[in-house]
């Protein structure tokens, strides 16, 4: 769940949180059960942004990811997971083009629209993208 908080100075903070009703018990988590991207050690154990870009995409992508999800993953790699870093679309297209097979084909501008529609990215100005705190939702299947 993404939570947005505004402080007394009007600054907005956004992040992920697991919330439950007060007094409600947590569901027990299964031990040793690996599902989806967790099986690769991805979002739950933290992402390794020090990996080279191709290795990062190989480690954290899956064949079931949509083009928009892969776009966000590539953006996350370039931005090192930071939500306040802007990346020009030309850099994303160049990075995508250097690994079209891994990315599932040629870059399609519709991926950016779908990523925005899902709330995973922002476009502070035309041709520039940045991650939103909710970007890790791309790993939820």
Protein backbone atom coordinates (compact mmCIF):
# COMPACT_ATOMS: atom_id res chain seq x y z
CA UNK A 1 0.00 0.00 0.00
CA UNK A 2 1.31 3.46 -0.89
CA UNK A 3 0.89 6.11 1.80
CA UNK A 4 1.22 9.86 1.19
CA UNK A 5 1.85 12.24 4.12
CA UNK A 6 2.00 16.04 4.02
CA UNK A 7 4.01 17.80 6.75
CA UNK A 8 3.36 21.21 8.35
CA UNK A 9 5.42 22.92 5.63
CA UNK A 10 3.34 21.47 2.79
CA UNK A 11 6.00 18.97 1.71
CA UNK A 12 4.61 15.64 0.51
CA UNK A 13 6.24 12.34 1.39
CA UNK A 14 5.29 9.08 -0.26
CA UNK A 15 6.22 5.52 0.63
CA UNK A 16 5.05 1.98 1.00
CA UNK A 17 3.61 0.50 4.17
CA UNK A 18 1.80 -2.62 5.31
CA UNK A 19 -1.14 -1.49 7.41
CA UNK A 20 -3.55 -3.53 9.51
CA UNK A 21 -6.39 -2.76 11.89
CA UNK A 22 -5.27 -2.09 15.44
CA UNK A 23 -5.68 -5.30 17.43
CA UNK A 24 -5.84 -7.45 14.31
CA UNK A 25 -3.38 -10.32 14.19
CA UNK A 26 -1.02 -10.62 11.28
CA UNK A 27 -1.39 -13.53 8.93
CA UNK A 28 1.38 -16.05 9.39
CA UNK A 29 3.84 -16.04 6.53
CA UNK A 30 4.75 -19.31 4.88
CA UNK A 31 8.30 -20.45 5.35
CA UNK A 32 10.37 -21.64 2.46
CA UNK A 33 7.67 -20.85 -0.10
CA UNK A 34 9.02 -18.86 -3.02
CA UNK A 35 6.67 -17.00 -5.34
CA UNK A 36 7.15 -14.73 -8.33
CA UNK A 37 10.04 -12.31 -8.23
CA UNK A 38 10.66 -13.16 -4.57
CA UNK A 39 12.09 -16.44 -5.79
CA UNK A 40 14.93 -14.43 -7.32
CA UNK A 41 15.55 -12.47 -4.14
CA UNK A 42 14.23 -9.23 -5.56
CA UNK A 43 12.00 -6.67 -3.85
CA UNK A 44 11.55 -8.35 -0.48
CA UNK A 45 15.27 -8.63 0.14
CA UNK A 46 16.17 -5.30 -1.47
CA UNK A 47 17.34 -4.57 -4.96
CA UNK A 48 21.03 -4.43 -5.85
CA UNK A 49 21.36 -1.17 -7.77
CA UNK A 50 25.12 -1.64 -7.99
CA UNK A 51 24.66 -4.43 -10.55
CA UNK A 52 25.42 -3.54 -14.17
CA UNK A 53 22.21 -2.62 -16.00
CA UNK A 54 21.94 -5.85 -18.04
CA UNK A 55 22.53 -8.00 -14.95
CA UNK A 56 19.99 -5.94 -12.98
CA UNK A 57 17.31 -6.41 -15.62
CA UNK A 58 18.12 -10.11 -15.97
CA UNK A 59 17.94 -10.68 -12.22
CA UNK A 60 14.73 -8.79 -11.48
CA UNK A 61 12.64 -9.15 -14.66
CA UNK A 62 10.42 -12.06 -15.55
CA UNK A 63 8.82 -13.27 -18.77
CA UNK A 64 5.40 -12.48 -17.36
CA UNK A 65 6.21 -8.76 -16.94
CA UNK A 66 4.45 -6.37 -19.29
CA UNK A 67 6.33 -3.82 -21.36
CA UNK A 68 5.28 -1.10 -18.93
CA UNK A 69 6.66 -3.09 -15.99
CA UNK A 70 9.96 -3.64 -17.82
CA UNK A 71 10.07 0.08 -18.64
CA UNK A 72 9.71 0.91 -14.94
CA UNK A 73 12.36 -1.67 -14.04
CA UNK A 74 14.77 -0.08 -16.52
CA UNK A 75 13.95 3.38 -15.17
CA UNK A 76 14.60 2.10 -11.64
CA UNK A 77 17.96 0.77 -12.76
CA UNK A 78 18.98 4.11 -14.28
CA UNK A 79 17.68 6.09 -11.29
CA UNK A 80 19.21 3.63 -8.79
CA UNK A 81 15.74 3.29 -7.24
CA UNK A 82 15.55 6.96 -6.22
CA UNK A 83 12.24 8.74 -6.71
CA UNK A 84 13.76 12.23 -7.01
CA UNK A 85 15.98 11.47 -10.02
CA UNK A 86 14.77 12.41 -13.51
CA UNK A 87 15.82 10.39 -16.54
CA UNK A 88 15.40 11.63 -20.14
CA UNK A 89 13.45 9.35 -22.46
CA UNK A 90 16.44 9.24 -24.84
CA UNK A 91 18.53 7.54 -22.13
CA UNK A 92 15.76 5.00 -21.55
CA UNK A 93 15.37 4.30 -25.27
CA UNK A 94 19.13 3.88 -25.69
CA UNK A 95 19.34 1.49 -22.72
CA UNK A 96 16.29 -0.44 -23.98
CA UNK A 97 17.79 -0.68 -27.46
CA UNK A 98 21.01 -2.15 -26.11
CA UNK A 99 19.09 -5.18 -24.80
CA UNK A 100 15.96 -5.61 -26.92
CA UNK A 101 15.91 -9.38 -26.56
CA UNK A 102 15.99 -9.21 -22.75
CA UNK A 103 13.31 -6.49 -22.82
CA UNK A 104 11.03 -8.51 -25.10
CA UNK A 105 11.32 -6.46 -28.27
CA UNK A 106 11.63 -2.86 -29.43
CA UNK A 107 10.75 0.08 -27.19
CA UNK A 108 7.11 1.15 -27.47
CA UNK A 109 6.13 4.65 -26.26
CA UNK A 110 2.83 3.18 -25.04
CA UNK A 111 4.78 1.58 -22.19
CA UNK A 112 5.32 5.03 -20.67
CA UNK A 113 1.60 5.81 -20.82
CA UNK A 114 0.69 2.50 -19.19
CA UNK A 115 3.31 3.01 -16.47
CA UNK A 116 1.82 6.47 -15.75
CA UNK A 117 -1.71 5.02 -15.77
CA UNK A 118 -0.63 2.51 -13.10
CA UNK A 119 0.93 5.27 -10.98
CA UNK A 120 4.44 3.85 -11.15
CA UNK A 121 6.12 6.91 -12.72
CA UNK A 122 5.79 10.70 -12.95
CA UNK A 123 6.56 12.95 -15.89
CA UNK A 124 7.58 16.31 -14.39
CA UNK A 125 8.00 17.65 -17.94
CA UNK A 126 7.75 16.26 -21.45
CA UNK A 127 10.33 13.60 -22.27
CA UNK A 128 11.56 13.18 -18.67
CA UNK A 129 10.55 10.43 -16.26
CA UNK A 130 10.96 9.74 -12.56
CA UNK A 131 9.91 6.89 -10.31
CA UNK A 132 7.06 7.17 -7.83
CA UNK A 133 7.24 5.43 -4.47
CA UNK A 134 4.71 2.90 -5.74
CA UNK A 135 7.02 1.67 -8.51
CA UNK A 136 7.79 -1.60 -6.68
CA UNK A 137 4.22 -2.71 -7.42
CA UNK A 138 5.61 -3.96 -10.73
CA UNK A 139 6.75 -7.07 -8.85
CA UNK A 140 3.28 -7.97 -7.63
CA UNK A 141 1.75 -10.58 -9.88
